Amino acid sequence: MVIIAYTALIAIFLLHMKRLIAIAMLCITILLPSFAGGRSEQATPVTLSKSPEYDAEMVTSRSVTISSTLYSLGNLYAYLDRSFLYDIDDNKMEEELIAAMIDSLGDPYSYYVPSDMADTYEENSDGSYIGIGTYLYKMNPSYSDMSDPSTWMVVISSVFPGAPADRAGLRSRDMISAINGESTAPLTAAEASKKLKGEPGKDLVLTVHRGDAVFEVTLRPEKVTTPSTASAMLDGNIGYLAIYAFSLTTADSAEKEIRMLLDSGAEKFIIDLRDNGGGTVETALEVADMFLSDGRLLETRFKDQSGRRAIIRNADSNIIVPEDYPVVILVNGGTASSGEILTAALKDNGRAMVIGSQTFGKGISQEVRPFADGYIQLTTGHFYTPSGNDIHHVGIAPDVVIEDKEYSEEELEAFYSFMSDDSIKEFADTHEYSKENIISFAEEHIDSGVPEDLLMLLIRNEYLYRMDYSERPVADPGYDEVLRVAIEELSV
């Protein structure tokens, strides 16, 4: 009887709304990405099982309470519709009611994407878009803590090679407090992504926080190609595979790259997951399968009342890379969720050594459902590594730790000031690309206050961005300490 009353009251409440809410609860197993600002985590595929035993008294009590609330809301809407002096925007009221319900959960990863943001949320057409070239992370503004910048600022999880953000020197874990002078605090992830796209030909001014340093960076959005994978042969027989994100097509592209590396004589592998903000969980597991023929890959647990049993994923025997071929994985603070799943799968099974800095630490997954012309993203799963570790808010510790370089506020200010100096372009116009000329440029401008390694990076990037994308080196150990150490480890 309670269930009948509850259902009836929901119907009454919805009928009081002039626009019937479309409750299309078809589960989507991926989160459609928000570009130029980034990508939130994709949902984990789930398997439904029979429901567990419920506390009938508790369910009855909660149902009565919710039914009463919904009935009261229906009466309130009827009163507003009848008595409010001005017209009511039913669509706005509906979407804000939905958003408020999701916000009340208190989870920064769960939120409602309204209809006017749905197109941005879905954008994943041909792998290109207009923007600055970053993946971002933004907590739900309803639960921001102004004393903790990471809860209300836009956090860059990774940058696309060659994109405006990359050329400007932005990197993972940089935080953006303002876009064109407007605070990012009230923005959702989708709204921040839309603002960071900007318009072609119009500059965006970002207020960036890196540690204790605060500086402004001016970027001009342009057409950016969303990267997925890239590969190269290094030091004779080392196959280098960079995975920038786990999209629906990443497993296929990774397999093609791996097979090409094997055909080119690769007998050792480096998988670069630095600044990989995650993506489709299934794709990460498929890549793990290419290196591992046996062993647990992942366990995902759900709420007891959901009726879902824990899902345990094990490796199959369809490997591509022989298991006697050593593997090194490169990680940093921008390696998150699905990137951490792949890392843990190979690390915990003794299949790979991990080099770099502590990973991000996102051990939960979300599902996405279409709802009322928008989308609901909801945290539903908690995953555990093959060793049973909970990495949420912890991350994965590398076997060989190499911390990211830190610079003083004065050095960073000098760096960003020097970026606009014409001497960079003038030097590249009159000197050919060579290691000797890069060193010469750094020596000429050492009095600028910019550290020597950053001066070398600036002029090197200027040379690289003048090349066709296909001609740029995928990896360059000469300017990458973590990669250099990985090569040394594999050469022992």
Protein backbone atom coordinates (compact mmCIF):
# COMPACT_ATOMS: atom_id res chain seq x y z
CA MET A 1 0.00 0.00 0.00
CA VAL A 2 2.85 2.33 0.78
CA ILE A 3 4.41 1.67 -2.58
CA ILE A 4 1.12 2.41 -4.36
CA ALA A 5 0.68 5.65 -2.43
CA TYR A 6 4.27 6.70 -3.13
CA THR A 7 3.90 6.10 -6.86
CA ALA A 8 0.58 7.89 -6.96
CA LEU A 9 1.94 10.92 -5.17
CA ILE A 10 4.86 11.13 -7.57
CA ALA A 11 2.38 11.13 -10.43
CA ILE A 12 0.32 13.85 -8.76
CA PHE A 13 3.42 15.99 -8.27
CA LEU A 14 4.55 15.57 -11.86
CA LEU A 15 1.11 16.28 -13.27
CA HIS A 16 1.07 19.58 -11.41
CA MET A 17 4.07 20.56 -13.49
CA LYS A 18 3.00 21.93 -16.87
CA ARG A 19 5.87 20.10 -18.49
CA LEU A 20 5.96 16.40 -17.69
CA ILE A 21 9.43 15.31 -16.66
CA ALA A 22 10.72 12.63 -18.99
CA ILE A 23 12.15 9.95 -16.74
CA ALA A 24 14.23 8.07 -19.25
CA MET A 25 16.45 5.99 -17.00
CA LEU A 26 18.46 4.29 -19.71
CA CYS A 27 21.94 3.77 -18.26
CA ILE A 28 24.85 5.02 -20.36
CA THR A 29 28.19 3.40 -19.61
CA ILE A 30 30.28 6.38 -20.57
CA LEU A 31 30.27 9.98 -19.51
CA LEU A 32 30.17 12.15 -22.59
CA PRO A 33 33.16 14.48 -22.31
CA SER A 34 33.16 18.25 -21.86
CA PHE A 35 36.05 19.53 -23.92
CA ALA A 36 38.35 22.55 -23.62
CA GLY A 37 37.99 22.26 -20.31
CA GLY A 38 38.04 18.68 -20.06
CA ARG A 39 36.52 15.45 -19.23
CA SER A 40 34.96 14.07 -16.11
CA GLU A 41 35.26 10.40 -15.33
CA GLN A 42 33.39 7.85 -17.39
CA ALA A 43 31.01 5.46 -15.72
CA THR A 44 31.81 1.87 -14.87
CA PRO A 45 29.71 -0.79 -16.62
CA VAL A 46 27.51 -2.53 -14.08
CA THR A 47 25.67 -5.84 -13.79
CA LEU A 48 22.34 -6.02 -12.01
CA SER A 49 21.52 -8.87 -9.66
CA LYS A 50 18.61 -9.71 -7.39
CA SER A 51 17.93 -7.20 -4.61
CA PRO A 52 19.24 -7.91 -1.12
CA GLU A 53 17.03 -8.14 1.93
CA TYR A 54 15.63 -4.78 3.01
CA ASP A 55 14.66 -3.40 6.37
CA ALA A 56 10.92 -3.12 5.65
CA GLU A 57 10.28 -0.77 8.56
CA MET A 58 13.04 1.58 7.43
CA VAL A 59 11.86 1.55 3.80
CA THR A 60 8.25 2.20 4.84
CA SER A 61 9.26 5.13 7.02
CA ARG A 62 11.42 6.71 4.33
CA SER A 63 8.76 6.18 1.65
CA VAL A 64 6.12 7.91 3.76
CA THR A 65 8.47 10.83 4.43
CA ILE A 66 9.39 11.26 0.75
CA SER A 67 5.76 10.83 -0.33
CA SER A 68 4.70 13.55 2.08
CA THR A 69 7.43 15.86 0.78
CA LEU A 70 6.47 15.27 -2.85
CA TYR A 71 2.81 15.84 -2.06
CA SER A 72 3.68 19.11 -0.33
CA LEU A 73 5.77 20.20 -3.30
CA GLY A 74 2.83 19.49 -5.59
CA ASN A 75 0.60 21.66 -3.42
CA LEU A 76 3.26 24.36 -3.34
CA TYR A 77 3.49 24.42 -7.13
CA ALA A 78 -0.27 24.59 -7.45
CA TYR A 79 -0.27 27.58 -5.08
CA LEU A 80 2.54 29.30 -6.96
CA ASP A 81 0.88 28.68 -10.32
CA ARG A 82 -2.39 30.08 -9.05
CA SER A 83 -1.13 33.03 -7.01
CA PHE A 84 2.30 34.23 -8.25
CA LEU A 85 1.82 37.57 -10.00
CA TYR A 86 4.18 36.84 -12.87
CA ASP A 87 4.63 34.01 -15.34
CA ILE A 88 6.46 30.92 -14.11
CA ASP A 89 9.33 29.44 -16.11
CA ASP A 90 8.40 25.79 -15.68
CA ASN A 91 11.55 24.51 -17.38
CA LYS A 92 13.77 26.53 -15.05
CA MET A 93 11.82 25.41 -11.99
CA GLU A 94 11.99 21.78 -13.04
CA GLU A 95 15.72 21.81 -13.70
CA GLU A 96 16.52 23.62 -10.47
CA LEU A 97 14.42 21.14 -8.50
CA ILE A 98 16.34 18.27 -10.07
CA ALA A 99 19.67 19.99 -9.46
CA ALA A 100 18.77 20.69 -5.84
CA MET A 101 17.91 17.03 -5.26
CA ILE A 102 21.26 15.88 -6.65
CA ASP A 103 23.15 18.63 -4.80
CA SER A 104 21.58 17.53 -1.52
CA LEU A 105 23.60 14.31 -1.77
CA GLY A 106 26.72 16.23 -0.83
CA ASP A 107 28.90 14.53 -3.45
CA PRO A 108 31.13 16.77 -5.59
CA TYR A 109 31.15 14.21 -8.42
CA SER A 110 27.35 13.94 -8.64
CA TYR A 111 25.44 16.70 -10.41
CA TYR A 112 22.75 17.53 -12.92
CA VAL A 113 23.60 18.90 -16.37
CA PRO A 114 20.66 21.06 -17.50
CA SER A 115 19.28 21.04 -21.01
CA ASP A 116 21.11 24.20 -22.10
CA MET A 117 24.43 22.53 -21.29
CA ALA A 118 23.57 19.13 -22.78
CA ASP A 119 25.16 19.83 -26.17
CA THR A 120 28.43 20.83 -24.55
CA TYR A 121 28.28 17.77 -22.35
CA GLU A 122 27.77 15.48 -25.33
CA GLU A 123 30.37 17.01 -27.60
CA ASN A 124 32.58 14.24 -28.88
CA SER A 125 32.11 14.45 -32.61
CA ASP A 126 35.22 13.99 -34.74
CA GLY A 127 37.77 14.37 -32.00
CA SER A 128 38.34 18.08 -32.57
CA TYR A 129 36.85 21.25 -31.14
CA ILE A 130 37.55 24.92 -30.55
CA GLY A 131 39.24 25.52 -27.20
CA ILE A 132 42.48 25.81 -25.26
CA GLY A 133 43.25 22.07 -25.09
CA THR A 134 42.84 20.82 -21.55
CA TYR A 135 41.01 18.26 -19.51
CA LEU A 136 39.64 19.82 -16.36
CA TYR A 137 38.17 18.87 -13.03
CA LYS A 138 35.62 21.03 -11.20
CA MET A 139 33.82 20.14 -8.01
CA ASN A 140 30.11 20.76 -7.58
CA PRO A 141 29.84 24.45 -6.58
CA SER A 142 27.22 23.62 -3.97
CA TYR A 143 29.92 22.06 -1.82
CA SER A 144 32.82 24.40 -2.31
CA ASP A 145 34.98 25.46 0.61
CA MET A 146 36.56 28.83 -0.05
CA SER A 147 39.41 27.95 2.32
CA ASP A 148 40.31 25.03 0.02
CA PRO A 149 41.04 26.30 -3.51
CA SER A 150 40.78 22.83 -5.05
CA THR A 151 37.09 22.70 -4.15
CA TRP A 152 36.02 25.85 -5.99
CA MET A 153 38.64 26.51 -8.65
CA VAL A 154 38.89 24.76 -12.00
CA VAL A 155 41.68 22.19 -11.74
CA ILE A 156 43.57 21.22 -14.89
CA SER A 157 44.07 17.47 -14.97
CA SER A 158 46.01 17.42 -18.24
CA VAL A 159 46.88 19.48 -21.31
CA PHE A 160 46.91 18.44 -24.96
CA PRO A 161 50.32 18.44 -26.64
CA GLY A 162 50.68 21.45 -28.92
CA ALA A 163 47.44 23.11 -27.80
CA PRO A 164 47.30 26.75 -26.59
CA ALA A 165 47.39 25.69 -22.92
CA ASP A 166 50.47 23.56 -23.56
CA ARG A 167 52.25 26.34 -25.42
CA ALA A 168 51.53 28.70 -22.54
CA GLY A 169 53.21 26.32 -20.11
CA LEU A 170 50.07 25.28 -18.20
CA ARG A 171 50.23 21.84 -16.64
CA SER A 172 48.30 19.34 -14.56
CA ARG A 173 47.22 20.51 -11.09
CA ASP A 174 47.27 24.17 -12.10
CA MET A 175 44.10 25.82 -10.80
CA ILE A 176 42.06 28.56 -12.46
CA SER A 177 40.28 31.03 -10.18
CA ALA A 178 38.94 33.38 -12.85
CA ILE A 179 38.17 33.44 -16.56
CA ASN A 180 38.25 36.94 -18.06
CA GLY A 181 38.02 38.34 -14.57
CA GLU A 182 34.96 36.29 -13.57
CA SER A 183 35.32 33.89 -10.65
CA THR A 184 35.06 30.18 -11.40
CA ALA A 185 33.58 29.46 -7.95
CA PRO A 186 29.88 29.36 -9.00
CA LEU A 187 30.53 27.36 -12.19
CA THR A 188 29.75 23.69 -12.71
CA ALA A 189 32.24 21.58 -14.65
CA ALA A 190 30.13 21.91 -17.81
CA GLU A 191 29.82 25.67 -17.42
CA ALA A 192 33.55 26.07 -16.83
CA SER A 193 34.26 23.93 -19.89
CA LYS A 194 31.99 26.10 -22.01
CA LYS A 195 33.66 29.31 -20.83
CA LEU A 196 37.12 27.89 -21.47
CA LYS A 197 36.19 27.14 -25.05
CA GLY A 198 35.82 30.83 -25.68
CA GLU A 199 35.54 31.99 -29.28
CA PRO A 200 38.02 31.72 -32.16
CA GLY A 201 40.09 34.87 -32.42
CA LYS A 202 39.13 36.19 -28.98
CA ASP A 203 41.61 36.01 -26.13
CA LEU A 204 40.89 34.36 -22.81
CA VAL A 205 42.61 35.70 -19.72
CA LEU A 206 43.00 33.05 -17.03
CA THR A 207 44.01 33.68 -13.44
CA VAL A 208 46.17 30.68 -12.62
CA HIS A 209 47.31 29.38 -9.22
CA ARG A 210 50.32 27.08 -8.93
CA GLY A 211 51.36 26.44 -5.37
CA ASP A 212 51.77 29.86 -3.78
CA ALA A 213 52.19 31.61 -7.12
CA VAL A 214 49.34 33.48 -8.82
CA PHE A 215 49.67 34.76 -12.37
CA GLU A 216 47.61 35.59 -15.46
CA VAL A 217 47.90 33.79 -18.77
CA THR A 218 46.36 35.04 -22.02
CA LEU A 219 45.33 32.32 -24.47
CA ARG A 220 43.58 32.38 -27.82
CA PRO A 221 41.24 29.39 -28.43
CA GLU A 222 41.81 27.49 -31.64
CA LYS A 223 40.87 24.22 -33.26
CA VAL A 224 42.32 21.46 -31.09
CA THR A 225 42.57 17.77 -31.88
CA THR A 226 41.77 15.59 -28.92
CA PRO A 227 44.68 13.18 -28.49
CA SER A 228 44.30 9.54 -27.54
CA THR A 229 47.56 7.65 -28.12
CA ALA A 230 50.98 8.10 -29.66
CA SER A 231 54.04 5.87 -29.93
CA ALA A 232 57.72 5.81 -30.84
CA MET A 233 60.75 3.57 -30.69
CA LEU A 234 63.39 4.67 -28.16
CA ASP A 235 66.94 3.53 -27.51
CA GLY A 236 66.90 0.63 -29.96
CA ASN A 237 64.36 -1.84 -28.61
CA ILE A 238 62.12 0.17 -26.25
CA GLY A 239 58.56 0.76 -27.38
CA TYR A 240 57.09 3.99 -26.01
CA LEU A 241 53.29 4.26 -25.80
CA ALA A 242 51.65 7.46 -24.56
CA ILE A 243 47.96 7.21 -23.61
CA TYR A 244 46.49 10.67 -23.12
CA ALA A 245 42.93 9.64 -22.24
CA PHE A 246 40.72 6.54 -22.25
CA SER A 247 38.03 7.18 -24.83
CA LEU A 248 35.86 4.60 -26.58
CA THR A 249 38.44 4.25 -29.35
CA THR A 250 41.59 4.21 -27.20
CA ALA A 251 41.81 0.42 -26.90
CA ASP A 252 41.80 0.02 -30.68
CA SER A 253 44.36 2.77 -31.24
CA ALA A 254 46.56 1.44 -28.41
CA GLU A 255 46.48 -2.05 -29.92
CA LYS A 256 47.54 -0.68 -33.32
CA GLU A 257 50.39 1.29 -31.75
CA ILE A 258 51.57 -1.75 -29.76
CA ARG A 259 51.55 -4.03 -32.77
CA MET A 260 53.53 -1.46 -34.79
CA LEU A 261 56.07 -1.22 -31.98
CA LEU A 262 56.40 -5.00 -31.82
CA ASP A 263 56.86 -5.15 -35.59
CA SER A 264 59.59 -2.51 -35.21
CA GLY A 265 61.49 -4.72 -32.78
CA ALA A 266 60.24 -3.55 -29.38
CA GLU A 267 61.20 -5.93 -26.57
CA LYS A 268 60.62 -3.52 -23.68
CA PHE A 269 57.76 -1.09 -23.13
CA ILE A 270 57.15 2.28 -21.52
CA ILE A 271 53.50 3.26 -21.00
CA ASP A 272 53.22 6.99 -20.35
CA LEU A 273 50.09 7.80 -18.34
CA ARG A 274 51.23 11.18 -17.04
CA ASP A 275 48.40 13.73 -17.06
CA ASN A 276 45.95 11.03 -18.15
CA GLY A 277 42.81 12.19 -16.35
CA GLY A 278 40.94 8.93 -16.92
CA GLY A 279 38.03 8.01 -19.15
CA THR A 280 36.15 4.85 -19.92
CA VAL A 281 36.99 2.18 -17.35
CA GLU A 282 36.35 -0.66 -19.77
CA THR A 283 38.99 0.73 -22.12
CA ALA A 284 41.62 0.81 -19.37
CA LEU A 285 40.88 -2.85 -18.62
CA GLU A 286 41.18 -3.77 -22.29
CA VAL A 287 44.64 -2.20 -22.43
CA ALA A 288 45.65 -4.07 -19.25
CA ASP A 289 44.59 -7.29 -20.95
CA MET A 290 47.08 -6.63 -23.71
CA PHE A 291 49.94 -6.98 -21.21
CA LEU A 292 48.56 -9.43 -18.65
CA SER A 293 47.23 -12.95 -19.27
CA ASP A 294 46.15 -13.82 -15.72
CA GLY A 295 45.24 -12.17 -12.45
CA ARG A 296 42.67 -9.76 -11.05
CA LEU A 297 42.41 -6.37 -12.73
CA LEU A 298 39.75 -4.55 -10.72
CA GLU A 299 36.98 -4.93 -8.17
CA THR A 300 34.07 -2.48 -8.14
CA ARG A 301 31.70 -2.42 -5.15
CA PHE A 302 28.26 -0.84 -4.93
CA LYS A 303 25.79 0.19 -2.27
CA ASP A 304 24.09 -2.81 -0.63
CA GLN A 305 20.59 -1.49 -1.35
CA SER A 306 21.38 -1.16 -5.07
CA GLY A 307 21.04 -4.90 -5.56
CA ARG A 308 24.34 -5.01 -7.38
CA ARG A 309 26.96 -7.53 -6.47
CA ALA A 310 30.59 -6.49 -6.55
CA ILE A 311 32.08 -6.85 -10.01
CA ILE A 312 35.48 -8.52 -10.24
CA ARG A 313 37.35 -8.24 -13.52
CA ASN A 314 40.11 -10.71 -14.31
CA ALA A 315 42.60 -10.72 -17.15
CA ASP A 316 42.03 -13.03 -20.08
CA SER A 317 44.64 -14.90 -22.08
CA ASN A 318 44.52 -12.72 -25.19
CA ILE A 319 47.72 -10.83 -24.53
CA ILE A 320 49.64 -8.98 -27.23
CA VAL A 321 52.90 -8.19 -25.45
CA PRO A 322 54.84 -11.29 -24.29
CA GLU A 323 54.92 -11.41 -20.49
CA ASP A 324 58.69 -11.68 -20.38
CA TYR A 325 58.93 -8.21 -21.99
CA PRO A 326 59.55 -5.72 -19.14
CA VAL A 327 57.14 -2.77 -18.75
CA VAL A 328 57.54 0.61 -17.04
CA ILE A 329 54.60 2.94 -16.39
CA LEU A 330 55.11 6.71 -16.03
CA VAL A 331 52.69 8.58 -13.73
CA ASN A 332 52.22 11.91 -11.98
CA GLY A 333 49.59 13.85 -10.07
CA GLY A 334 47.53 14.16 -13.25
CA THR A 335 47.17 10.37 -13.58
CA ALA A 336 43.64 9.70 -12.34
CA SER A 337 40.87 7.09 -12.15
CA SER A 338 41.06 4.92 -15.29
CA GLY A 339 44.74 5.82 -15.57
CA GLU A 340 45.16 4.61 -12.01
CA ILE A 341 43.16 1.46 -12.78
CA LEU A 342 45.60 0.48 -15.54
CA THR A 343 48.58 1.40 -13.37
CA ALA A 344 47.37 -0.65 -10.41
CA ALA A 345 46.38 -3.61 -12.59
CA LEU A 346 49.89 -4.01 -13.93
CA LYS A 347 51.74 -2.90 -10.78
CA ASP A 348 49.85 -5.11 -8.31
CA ASN A 349 50.29 -8.14 -10.55
CA GLY A 350 54.03 -7.58 -10.75
CA ARG A 351 53.80 -6.85 -14.45
CA ALA A 352 55.16 -3.29 -14.43
CA MET A 353 57.42 -0.92 -12.53
CA VAL A 354 55.92 2.52 -11.84
CA ILE A 355 58.06 5.66 -12.05
CA GLY A 356 57.11 9.27 -11.34
CA SER A 357 55.14 11.04 -8.61
CA GLN A 358 52.05 10.10 -6.57
CA THR A 359 48.92 9.71 -8.69
CA PHE A 360 45.75 11.77 -8.26
CA GLY A 361 43.67 9.36 -6.16
CA LYS A 362 40.18 8.96 -7.62
CA GLY A 363 38.78 5.58 -6.68
CA ILE A 364 35.09 6.08 -7.39
CA SER A 365 33.09 5.85 -10.59
CA GLN A 366 29.98 7.53 -11.90
CA GLU A 367 27.04 6.54 -14.05
CA VAL A 368 25.32 8.93 -16.42
CA ARG A 369 21.61 8.87 -17.24
CA PRO A 370 19.58 11.11 -19.54
CA PHE A 371 16.95 12.96 -17.53
CA ALA A 372 14.56 15.78 -18.41
CA ASP A 373 16.49 16.86 -21.53
CA GLY A 374 19.72 16.91 -19.52
CA TYR A 375 21.93 14.40 -17.78
CA ILE A 376 22.37 13.15 -14.24
CA GLN A 377 25.86 12.07 -13.24
CA LEU A 378 25.80 9.98 -10.08
CA THR A 379 28.56 8.32 -8.08
CA THR A 380 27.61 4.64 -7.83
CA GLY A 381 30.78 2.56 -7.59
CA HIS A 382 33.94 2.35 -5.49
CA PHE A 383 36.79 0.46 -7.07
CA TYR A 384 39.65 -1.43 -5.45
CA THR A 385 42.98 -2.47 -6.93
CA PRO A 386 43.99 -6.11 -7.45
CA SER A 387 45.72 -6.02 -4.05
CA GLY A 388 42.52 -4.76 -2.43
CA ASN A 389 43.79 -1.20 -1.98
CA ASP A 390 41.41 1.75 -1.78
CA ILE A 391 43.20 4.56 -3.63
CA HIS A 392 40.49 7.20 -3.26
CA HIS A 393 42.04 10.44 -1.96
CA VAL A 394 45.30 8.48 -1.66
CA GLY A 395 46.63 7.64 -5.10
CA ILE A 396 49.29 5.14 -6.10
CA ALA A 397 52.87 5.46 -4.86
CA PRO A 398 55.47 4.89 -7.61
CA ASP A 399 58.21 2.31 -7.20
CA VAL A 400 60.73 4.99 -8.20
CA VAL A 401 59.73 8.48 -7.03
CA ILE A 402 60.68 11.51 -9.13
CA GLU A 403 58.87 14.61 -7.93
CA ASP A 404 57.77 17.34 -10.31
CA LYS A 405 60.08 20.31 -10.36
CA GLU A 406 58.98 23.27 -8.26
CA TYR A 407 59.76 26.90 -8.98
CA SER A 408 59.57 30.03 -6.85
CA GLU A 409 56.91 32.67 -7.41
CA GLU A 410 59.56 35.04 -8.77
CA GLU A 411 60.80 32.44 -11.26
CA LEU A 412 57.27 31.75 -12.47
CA GLU A 413 56.51 35.44 -12.85
CA ALA A 414 59.69 35.87 -14.87
CA PHE A 415 58.78 32.85 -16.98
CA TYR A 416 55.31 34.10 -17.90
CA SER A 417 56.60 37.59 -18.53
CA PHE A 418 59.33 36.26 -20.78
CA MET A 419 56.86 34.14 -22.76
CA SER A 420 55.64 37.23 -24.61
CA ASP A 421 59.17 38.42 -25.36
CA ASP A 422 59.83 38.71 -29.09
CA SER A 423 63.35 37.37 -28.59
CA ILE A 424 62.01 33.80 -28.58
CA LYS A 425 60.50 34.08 -32.06
CA GLU A 426 63.40 36.18 -33.33
CA PHE A 427 65.91 33.56 -32.21
CA ALA A 428 63.92 30.74 -33.83
CA ASP A 429 63.70 32.79 -37.05
CA THR A 430 67.45 33.10 -37.32
CA HIS A 431 68.71 29.83 -35.82
CA GLU A 432 68.05 26.26 -36.87
CA TYR A 433 66.57 23.73 -34.46
CA SER A 434 69.45 22.00 -32.69
CA LYS A 435 70.49 21.10 -29.17
CA GLU A 436 73.42 23.51 -29.42
CA ASN A 437 71.16 26.43 -30.36
CA ILE A 438 68.74 25.63 -27.54
CA ILE A 439 71.62 25.75 -25.04
CA SER A 440 72.90 28.95 -26.65
CA PHE A 441 69.50 30.65 -26.27
CA ALA A 442 69.34 29.73 -22.58
CA GLU A 443 72.84 31.08 -21.98
CA GLU A 444 71.99 34.37 -23.71
CA HIS A 445 68.96 35.01 -21.51
CA ILE A 446 70.06 33.59 -18.17
CA ASP A 447 69.86 37.10 -16.67
CA SER A 448 66.09 37.21 -17.31
CA GLY A 449 65.37 35.50 -14.00
CA VAL A 450 63.91 32.49 -15.80
CA PRO A 451 65.55 29.17 -14.76
CA GLU A 452 67.79 27.69 -17.42
CA ASP A 453 65.66 24.58 -17.92
CA LEU A 454 62.56 26.72 -18.53
CA LEU A 455 64.43 28.90 -21.03
CA MET A 456 65.42 25.77 -22.91
CA LEU A 457 61.83 24.57 -22.77
CA LEU A 458 60.51 27.86 -24.17
CA ILE A 459 62.76 27.92 -27.21
CA ARG A 460 62.39 24.18 -27.79
CA ASN A 461 58.59 24.51 -27.76
CA GLU A 462 58.81 27.39 -30.23
CA TYR A 463 60.72 25.12 -32.62
CA LEU A 464 58.32 22.23 -32.11
CA TYR A 465 55.19 24.31 -32.73
CA ARG A 466 56.61 25.41 -36.06
CA MET A 467 56.74 21.79 -37.19
CA ASP A 468 53.82 19.84 -38.58
CA TYR A 469 52.20 17.86 -35.81
CA SER A 470 53.21 14.58 -37.47
CA GLU A 471 56.89 15.64 -37.47
CA ARG A 472 57.14 16.51 -33.79
CA PRO A 473 58.96 13.99 -31.57
CA VAL A 474 56.53 11.91 -29.51
CA ALA A 475 59.04 11.63 -26.68
CA ASP A 476 62.30 13.38 -25.92
CA PRO A 477 64.41 11.93 -23.08
CA GLY A 478 66.79 14.87 -23.31
CA TYR A 479 64.14 17.15 -21.81
CA ASP A 480 62.24 14.59 -19.73
CA GLU A 481 63.92 13.33 -16.57
CA VAL A 482 61.21 10.77 -15.75
CA LEU A 483 61.42 9.23 -19.21
CA ARG A 484 65.20 9.23 -19.02
CA VAL A 485 65.14 7.31 -15.72
CA ALA A 486 62.66 4.81 -17.20
CA ILE A 487 65.01 4.13 -20.11
CA GLU A 488 67.89 3.64 -17.68
CA GLU A 489 65.84 1.16 -15.63
CA LEU A 490 65.00 -0.85 -18.74
CA SER A 491 68.62 -0.81 -19.87
CA VAL A 492 69.92 -2.48 -16.73
